[in-house]
Amino acid sequence: MGEVVIPIPKELEEDKTEIARKLNEFVQQEAKRKMLIKLFNKLMAGAKTINDKELVKFSKKFKSAGAEELKGKGLI
């Protein structure tokens, strides 16, 4: 995993721990978001147009497959 160094102004020096926690939380959320986008793109591969009936079917498939994959990655 990469690392980013961010200079912190003297005025915020005492808040350094809280800032680090918030940045870590942001990075984790961003990683989850990217995984969800990849999963969605994988599930949508080959789809051109979807009618209402197919959309309902897809929603169920997405929910089921998405939950399983996210559980497997420890995200939910």
Protein backbone atom coordinates (compact mmCIF):
# COMPACT_ATOMS: atom_id res chain seq x y z
CA MET A 1 0.00 0.00 0.00
CA GLY A 2 1.26 3.45 -0.88
CA GLU A 3 1.75 6.32 1.50
CA VAL A 4 0.99 10.03 1.23
CA VAL A 5 2.69 12.72 3.30
CA ILE A 6 0.68 15.87 3.94
CA PRO A 7 2.13 18.92 5.65
CA ILE A 8 -0.01 20.11 8.56
CA PRO A 9 -0.02 23.77 9.61
CA LYS A 10 1.11 24.54 13.16
CA GLU A 11 -2.44 25.61 14.01
CA LEU A 12 -3.65 22.05 13.43
CA GLU A 13 -0.70 20.22 14.99
CA GLU A 14 -2.68 19.20 18.08
CA ASP A 15 -5.41 17.73 15.83
CA LYS A 16 -2.96 15.54 13.90
CA THR A 17 -4.36 12.23 15.25
CA GLU A 18 -7.94 13.17 14.40
CA ILE A 19 -6.93 14.35 10.93
CA ALA A 20 -5.10 11.07 10.29
CA ARG A 21 -8.16 9.09 11.41
CA LYS A 22 -10.49 11.07 9.13
CA LEU A 23 -8.13 10.72 6.16
CA ASN A 24 -7.84 6.97 6.73
CA GLU A 25 -11.64 6.69 6.88
CA PHE A 26 -11.90 8.65 3.62
CA VAL A 27 -9.38 6.38 1.89
CA GLN A 28 -11.23 3.25 3.06
CA GLN A 29 -14.55 4.60 1.76
CA GLU A 30 -12.95 5.49 -1.56
CA ALA A 31 -11.55 1.94 -1.87
CA LYS A 32 -15.02 0.49 -1.19
CA ARG A 33 -16.57 2.83 -3.76
CA LYS A 34 -14.10 1.73 -6.43
CA MET A 35 -14.76 -1.96 -5.66
CA LEU A 36 -18.51 -1.35 -5.99
CA ILE A 37 -18.02 0.37 -9.35
CA LYS A 38 -15.90 -2.55 -10.59
CA LEU A 39 -18.54 -5.01 -9.41
CA PHE A 40 -21.31 -3.04 -11.09
CA ASN A 41 -19.35 -2.85 -14.36
CA LYS A 42 -18.68 -6.59 -14.19
CA LEU A 43 -22.37 -7.32 -13.68
CA MET A 44 -23.39 -4.94 -16.47
CA ALA A 45 -20.89 -6.35 -19.00
CA GLY A 46 -22.67 -7.13 -22.24
CA ALA A 47 -25.89 -5.33 -21.31
CA LYS A 48 -27.22 -3.07 -24.05
CA THR A 49 -30.77 -2.12 -23.22
CA ILE A 50 -32.84 -3.36 -20.32
CA ASN A 51 -36.63 -3.46 -20.12
CA ASP A 52 -38.51 -3.20 -16.82
CA LYS A 53 -38.73 -6.95 -16.29
CA GLU A 54 -35.00 -7.40 -16.95
CA LEU A 55 -34.23 -4.47 -14.65
CA VAL A 56 -36.02 -6.15 -11.74
CA LYS A 57 -34.21 -9.40 -12.47
CA PHE A 58 -30.88 -7.58 -12.70
CA SER A 59 -31.50 -5.73 -9.42
CA LYS A 60 -32.01 -9.02 -7.61
CA LYS A 61 -28.91 -10.50 -9.25
CA PHE A 62 -26.85 -7.41 -8.41
CA LYS A 63 -27.98 -7.40 -4.79
CA SER A 64 -27.23 -11.10 -4.36
CA ALA A 65 -23.91 -11.18 -6.22
CA GLY A 66 -22.81 -7.86 -4.80
CA ALA A 67 -23.48 -8.90 -1.24
CA GLU A 68 -21.59 -12.16 -1.67
CA GLU A 69 -18.55 -10.47 -3.23
CA LEU A 70 -18.50 -7.70 -0.64
CA LYS A 71 -18.78 -10.24 2.19
CA GLY A 72 -15.92 -12.19 0.64
CA LYS A 73 -13.78 -9.05 0.69
CA GLY A 74 -14.81 -8.23 4.26
CA LEU A 75 -16.52 -4.99 3.28
CA ILE A 76 -19.90 -5.89 4.80
